[in-house]
């Protein structure tokens, strides 16, 4: 088993065994600056309370929505402007999705972590272009991939000169409109030597479960997050919204800041025990 790497992301916030648990959290998609500010402000307080690192996450574009009529986000330019505002005001690292190679340079000028969406994790040009920026790259394992398949994805990034990688588990396709989390995947990916992220909210998604939108089972976020932390993760990914029922994407599996606060209390206790 390779030793899991640790590295700083920005301003003392890092990921890996040498750092506290990292919280990656924010709304699924950027709705407006005020909503992002409200969420960032709340989550920073929660992260400090539980003594974990914090990275603000939001997507400027959700390119894989179920329906062509679904809200996708403000787009690249407006979205990056909002993310830059959050970064400068709150002095926190930023992560956002990239979908095409042509977006990478512009996004890398703002984001501290470039995130490869699960459905795009085998897109060689996207991985290579992201890796060559030297930024931290968070690669989500596709719902269609076995854990061992991530070795090939890692090789693409490493051979492009980047070893500042994070690997995210977000469930695997299981029957119709459902995902399941196999905790063995976390163990198998840890053996690849990179920090492991568990995406607790996307893992309870029901893809396309509501016809033109995805559903979700928010009640299972806590048990899965606790189980993954007990197995051993370096970062926890949570989608958070002040009013999940009004969220413009993934509201059914998002938490309120208050729910995230209660979950972090339990998760950090487990993490500290697992690390001891």
Protein backbone atom coordinates (compact mmCIF):
# COMPACT_ATOMS: atom_id res chain seq x y z
CA UNK A 1 0.00 0.00 0.00
CA UNK A 2 1.38 3.42 -0.98
CA UNK A 3 1.59 6.06 1.73
CA UNK A 4 -1.19 8.59 1.27
CA UNK A 5 0.16 11.96 0.19
CA UNK A 6 -0.48 15.16 2.12
CA UNK A 7 -0.30 18.59 0.51
CA UNK A 8 -1.37 22.15 1.11
CA UNK A 9 -4.16 23.52 -1.04
CA UNK A 10 -3.91 27.18 -0.06
CA UNK A 11 -3.37 29.42 2.98
CA UNK A 12 -2.59 26.56 5.34
CA UNK A 13 -5.62 24.51 4.29
CA UNK A 14 -4.51 21.06 3.19
CA UNK A 15 -5.56 17.48 2.73
CA UNK A 16 -4.08 14.15 3.70
CA UNK A 17 -2.91 12.43 6.90
CA UNK A 18 -0.84 15.45 7.97
CA UNK A 19 -3.92 17.69 8.05
CA UNK A 20 -7.28 17.67 9.85
CA UNK A 21 -10.33 16.32 8.06
CA UNK A 22 -11.17 18.57 5.12
CA UNK A 23 -14.73 19.75 4.51
CA UNK A 24 -15.67 20.50 0.90
CA UNK A 25 -19.07 22.13 0.95
CA UNK A 26 -21.40 24.56 -0.73
CA UNK A 27 -24.45 24.64 -3.01
CA UNK A 28 -24.62 22.18 -5.89
CA UNK A 29 -24.87 25.03 -8.39
CA UNK A 30 -24.29 28.77 -8.15
CA UNK A 31 -27.66 30.48 -7.88
CA UNK A 32 -26.55 34.01 -7.03
CA UNK A 33 -23.86 35.79 -5.03
CA UNK A 34 -26.02 36.37 -1.95
CA UNK A 35 -26.87 32.66 -1.56
CA UNK A 36 -23.23 31.70 -1.98
CA UNK A 37 -22.20 34.29 0.61
CA UNK A 38 -24.79 33.04 3.09
CA UNK A 39 -23.62 29.45 2.72
CA UNK A 40 -19.91 30.26 2.81
CA UNK A 41 -20.30 32.38 5.93
CA UNK A 42 -22.23 29.64 7.74
CA UNK A 43 -19.92 26.81 6.71
CA UNK A 44 -16.75 28.68 7.68
CA UNK A 45 -18.12 29.07 11.22
CA UNK A 46 -19.05 25.37 11.31
CA UNK A 47 -15.63 24.28 10.02
CA UNK A 48 -13.84 26.41 12.60
CA UNK A 49 -16.10 25.07 15.34
CA UNK A 50 -15.19 21.48 14.50
CA UNK A 51 -11.54 22.28 13.71
CA UNK A 52 -11.60 21.03 10.13
CA UNK A 53 -10.25 22.58 6.96
CA UNK A 54 -12.75 24.17 4.59
CA UNK A 55 -13.05 24.55 0.83
CA UNK A 56 -16.05 26.30 -0.74
CA UNK A 57 -17.64 24.35 -3.59
CA UNK A 58 -20.17 25.42 -6.21
CA UNK A 59 -20.60 24.74 -9.93
CA UNK A 60 -20.86 27.51 -12.51
CA UNK A 61 -22.48 25.03 -14.88
CA UNK A 62 -24.18 21.68 -14.35
CA UNK A 63 -23.72 20.25 -17.81
CA UNK A 64 -25.30 16.86 -17.06
CA UNK A 65 -28.75 17.84 -15.82
CA UNK A 66 -31.55 15.33 -16.43
CA UNK A 67 -33.65 17.72 -18.49
CA UNK A 68 -32.75 20.38 -21.03
CA UNK A 69 -35.12 22.67 -19.11
CA UNK A 70 -33.28 22.31 -15.80
CA UNK A 71 -31.30 25.25 -14.42
CA UNK A 72 -27.61 24.79 -15.20
CA UNK A 73 -26.03 27.79 -13.52
CA UNK A 74 -24.89 31.31 -14.43
CA UNK A 75 -22.26 30.12 -16.90
CA UNK A 76 -18.48 30.37 -16.98
CA UNK A 77 -17.81 34.12 -16.82
CA UNK A 78 -20.53 35.13 -14.35
CA UNK A 79 -19.92 32.00 -12.28
CA UNK A 80 -16.19 32.63 -11.95
CA UNK A 81 -16.89 36.23 -11.00
CA UNK A 82 -19.09 35.03 -8.12
CA UNK A 83 -16.53 32.42 -7.03
CA UNK A 84 -13.79 35.03 -7.08
CA UNK A 85 -15.92 37.26 -4.87
CA UNK A 86 -16.35 34.43 -2.36
CA UNK A 87 -12.64 33.64 -2.45
CA UNK A 88 -11.57 37.24 -1.85
CA UNK A 89 -14.17 38.08 0.80
CA UNK A 90 -13.83 34.94 2.91
CA UNK A 91 -10.21 33.96 2.12
CA UNK A 92 -11.13 30.34 1.49
CA UNK A 93 -9.97 27.94 -1.24
CA UNK A 94 -12.42 27.32 -4.07
CA UNK A 95 -13.31 24.16 -5.99
CA UNK A 96 -15.53 24.00 -9.06
CA UNK A 97 -16.24 21.57 -11.90
CA UNK A 98 -14.70 21.72 -15.34
CA UNK A 99 -16.38 20.03 -18.28
CA UNK A 100 -14.25 20.85 -21.30
CA UNK A 101 -10.53 21.37 -21.88
CA UNK A 102 -11.13 24.87 -23.21
CA UNK A 103 -12.47 25.94 -19.78
CA UNK A 104 -9.41 24.85 -17.82
CA UNK A 105 -7.10 27.88 -18.13
CA UNK A 106 -9.79 30.39 -17.24
CA UNK A 107 -11.13 28.32 -14.34
CA UNK A 108 -7.63 27.63 -12.98
CA UNK A 109 -7.07 31.38 -12.66
CA UNK A 110 -9.76 31.42 -9.93
CA UNK A 111 -10.20 27.91 -8.53
CA UNK A 112 -7.68 26.28 -6.21
CA UNK A 113 -9.01 22.81 -6.97
CA UNK A 114 -10.20 21.70 -10.39
CA UNK A 115 -12.90 19.06 -10.10
CA UNK A 116 -13.44 16.38 -12.73
CA UNK A 117 -17.11 15.30 -12.69
CA UNK A 118 -17.78 11.58 -12.31
CA UNK A 119 -19.19 11.16 -15.82
CA UNK A 120 -16.04 12.75 -17.29
CA UNK A 121 -13.35 10.95 -15.29
CA UNK A 122 -12.15 8.98 -18.33
CA UNK A 123 -11.87 12.02 -20.61
CA UNK A 124 -8.14 11.97 -21.29
CA UNK A 125 -7.80 15.50 -22.70
CA UNK A 126 -9.69 16.96 -19.74
CA UNK A 127 -7.54 15.12 -17.18
CA UNK A 128 -4.29 15.99 -18.95
CA UNK A 129 -5.14 19.67 -19.40
CA UNK A 130 -6.25 20.01 -15.77
CA UNK A 131 -3.15 18.22 -14.49
CA UNK A 132 -0.80 20.46 -16.47
CA UNK A 133 -2.05 23.55 -14.61
CA UNK A 134 -0.32 22.31 -11.46
CA UNK A 135 -3.51 22.95 -9.48
CA UNK A 136 -4.94 20.32 -7.16
CA UNK A 137 -7.24 18.06 -9.19
CA UNK A 138 -10.16 16.28 -7.52
CA UNK A 139 -11.25 13.35 -9.66
CA UNK A 140 -14.63 11.81 -8.97
CA UNK A 141 -14.83 8.09 -9.67
CA UNK A 142 -17.49 7.41 -12.27
CA UNK A 143 -20.66 5.61 -11.23
CA UNK A 144 -19.82 3.10 -13.96
CA UNK A 145 -16.27 2.32 -12.80
CA UNK A 146 -14.68 -0.20 -10.48
CA UNK A 147 -12.28 1.30 -7.92
CA UNK A 148 -9.23 -0.30 -9.57
CA UNK A 149 -10.08 1.52 -12.81
CA UNK A 150 -8.95 4.75 -11.14
CA UNK A 151 -5.33 3.60 -11.50
CA UNK A 152 -5.48 4.45 -15.20
CA UNK A 153 -6.96 7.87 -14.45
CA UNK A 154 -4.19 8.57 -11.94
CA UNK A 155 -1.56 7.58 -14.50
CA UNK A 156 -2.93 10.14 -16.97
CA UNK A 157 -2.50 12.90 -14.38
CA UNK A 158 0.87 11.71 -13.11
CA UNK A 159 2.34 11.43 -16.59
CA UNK A 160 1.13 14.99 -17.19
CA UNK A 161 3.30 16.13 -14.29
CA UNK A 162 0.78 16.36 -11.46
CA UNK A 163 0.72 14.36 -8.23
CA UNK A 164 -1.54 16.77 -6.30
CA UNK A 165 -4.61 14.62 -6.72
CA UNK A 166 -7.70 13.74 -4.72
CA UNK A 167 -9.98 10.79 -5.45
CA UNK A 168 -13.69 10.98 -4.70
CA UNK A 169 -16.16 8.16 -4.13
CA UNK A 170 -19.78 9.04 -4.89
CA UNK A 171 -21.50 5.69 -5.29
CA UNK A 172 -21.90 3.26 -8.13
CA UNK A 173 -24.93 2.58 -10.35
CA UNK A 174 -27.17 -0.08 -8.85
CA UNK A 175 -30.34 -1.00 -10.69
CA UNK A 176 -32.65 1.70 -11.98
CA UNK A 177 -32.39 5.28 -10.63
CA UNK A 178 -30.27 4.24 -7.68
CA UNK A 179 -26.72 4.33 -6.38
CA UNK A 180 -24.99 2.25 -3.76
CA UNK A 181 -21.78 2.90 -1.83
CA UNK A 182 -19.43 -0.03 -1.49
CA UNK A 183 -17.12 0.82 1.40
CA UNK A 184 -14.51 -1.52 -0.05
CA UNK A 185 -13.98 1.10 -2.77
CA UNK A 186 -12.59 3.53 -0.19
CA UNK A 187 -10.07 0.95 0.99
CA UNK A 188 -9.04 0.06 -2.55
CA UNK A 189 -8.56 3.68 -3.62
CA UNK A 190 -6.59 4.49 -0.46
CA UNK A 191 -4.03 1.95 -1.66
CA UNK A 192 -3.32 4.23 -4.63
CA UNK A 193 -1.65 6.75 -2.36
CA UNK A 194 -3.84 9.84 -2.73
CA UNK A 195 -6.24 11.59 -0.33
CA UNK A 196 -9.72 10.10 -0.43
CA UNK A 197 -12.90 12.19 -0.47
CA UNK A 198 -16.34 10.81 0.32
CA UNK A 199 -19.17 12.64 -1.41
CA UNK A 200 -21.92 11.94 1.10
CA UNK A 201 -24.71 13.90 -0.58
CA UNK A 202 -24.31 12.82 -4.20
CA UNK A 203 -24.05 9.23 -2.97
CA UNK A 204 -27.70 9.33 -1.86
CA UNK A 205 -28.88 10.78 -5.15
CA UNK A 206 -31.51 8.93 -7.17
CA UNK A 207 -30.38 9.77 -10.73
CA UNK A 208 -33.35 10.72 -12.87
CA UNK A 209 -35.57 9.40 -10.08
CA UNK A 210 -38.18 12.11 -10.54
CA UNK A 211 -38.43 11.87 -14.30
CA UNK A 212 -36.98 15.19 -15.42
CA UNK A 213 -34.92 15.64 -12.25
CA UNK A 214 -32.94 13.48 -9.87
CA UNK A 215 -34.32 12.54 -6.49
CA UNK A 216 -32.46 11.92 -3.29
CA UNK A 217 -32.58 10.23 0.11
CA UNK A 218 -31.22 12.82 2.52
CA UNK A 219 -31.91 10.57 5.50
CA UNK A 220 -29.02 8.31 4.48
CA UNK A 221 -26.35 11.04 4.34
CA UNK A 222 -25.47 10.68 8.01
CA UNK A 223 -25.08 6.87 8.20
CA UNK A 224 -23.02 6.77 5.02
CA UNK A 225 -20.82 9.69 6.10
CA UNK A 226 -20.18 8.06 9.48
CA UNK A 227 -19.41 4.70 7.89
CA UNK A 228 -17.01 6.21 5.33
CA UNK A 229 -15.23 8.18 8.02
CA UNK A 230 -14.79 5.02 10.09
CA UNK A 231 -13.24 3.28 7.06
CA UNK A 232 -10.81 6.19 6.75
CA UNK A 233 -11.22 9.26 4.53
CA UNK A 234 -9.33 12.53 4.29
CA UNK A 235 -12.16 14.80 3.18
CA UNK A 236 -15.94 14.93 3.31
CA UNK A 237 -18.01 16.48 0.52
CA UNK A 238 -21.43 17.91 1.46
CA UNK A 239 -23.89 19.88 -0.61
CA UNK A 240 -25.46 22.54 1.60
CA UNK A 241 -28.29 24.99 1.02
CA UNK A 242 -30.20 27.23 3.47
CA UNK A 243 -33.50 25.98 2.01
CA UNK A 244 -32.98 22.64 0.25
CA UNK A 245 -36.58 22.51 -0.97
CA UNK A 246 -35.92 25.71 -2.94
CA UNK A 247 -32.46 24.69 -4.21
CA UNK A 248 -32.16 24.84 -7.99
CA UNK A 249 -30.18 21.58 -8.15
CA UNK A 250 -29.90 18.51 -5.90
CA UNK A 251 -32.13 19.92 -3.18
CA UNK A 252 -33.46 16.47 -2.26
CA UNK A 253 -30.02 15.32 -1.14
CA UNK A 254 -28.67 18.62 0.23
CA UNK A 255 -28.34 19.48 3.92
CA UNK A 256 -29.03 22.72 5.71
CA UNK A 257 -26.05 24.30 7.50
CA UNK A 258 -27.63 23.26 10.80
CA UNK A 259 -27.82 19.63 9.67
CA UNK A 260 -24.23 19.80 8.43
CA UNK A 261 -23.15 21.17 11.81
CA UNK A 262 -24.72 18.24 13.67
CA UNK A 263 -23.22 15.76 11.23
CA UNK A 264 -19.72 17.27 11.52
CA UNK A 265 -19.82 16.86 15.29
CA UNK A 266 -20.30 13.12 14.91
CA UNK A 267 -17.99 12.69 11.93
CA UNK A 268 -15.05 14.48 13.52
CA UNK A 269 -15.32 12.31 16.62
CA UNK A 270 -15.14 9.21 14.42
CA UNK A 271 -12.29 10.66 12.36
CA UNK A 272 -10.23 11.47 15.42
CA UNK A 273 -10.76 7.96 16.78
CA UNK A 274 -9.86 6.40 13.42
CA UNK A 275 -6.67 8.47 13.26
CA UNK A 276 -5.55 7.60 16.80
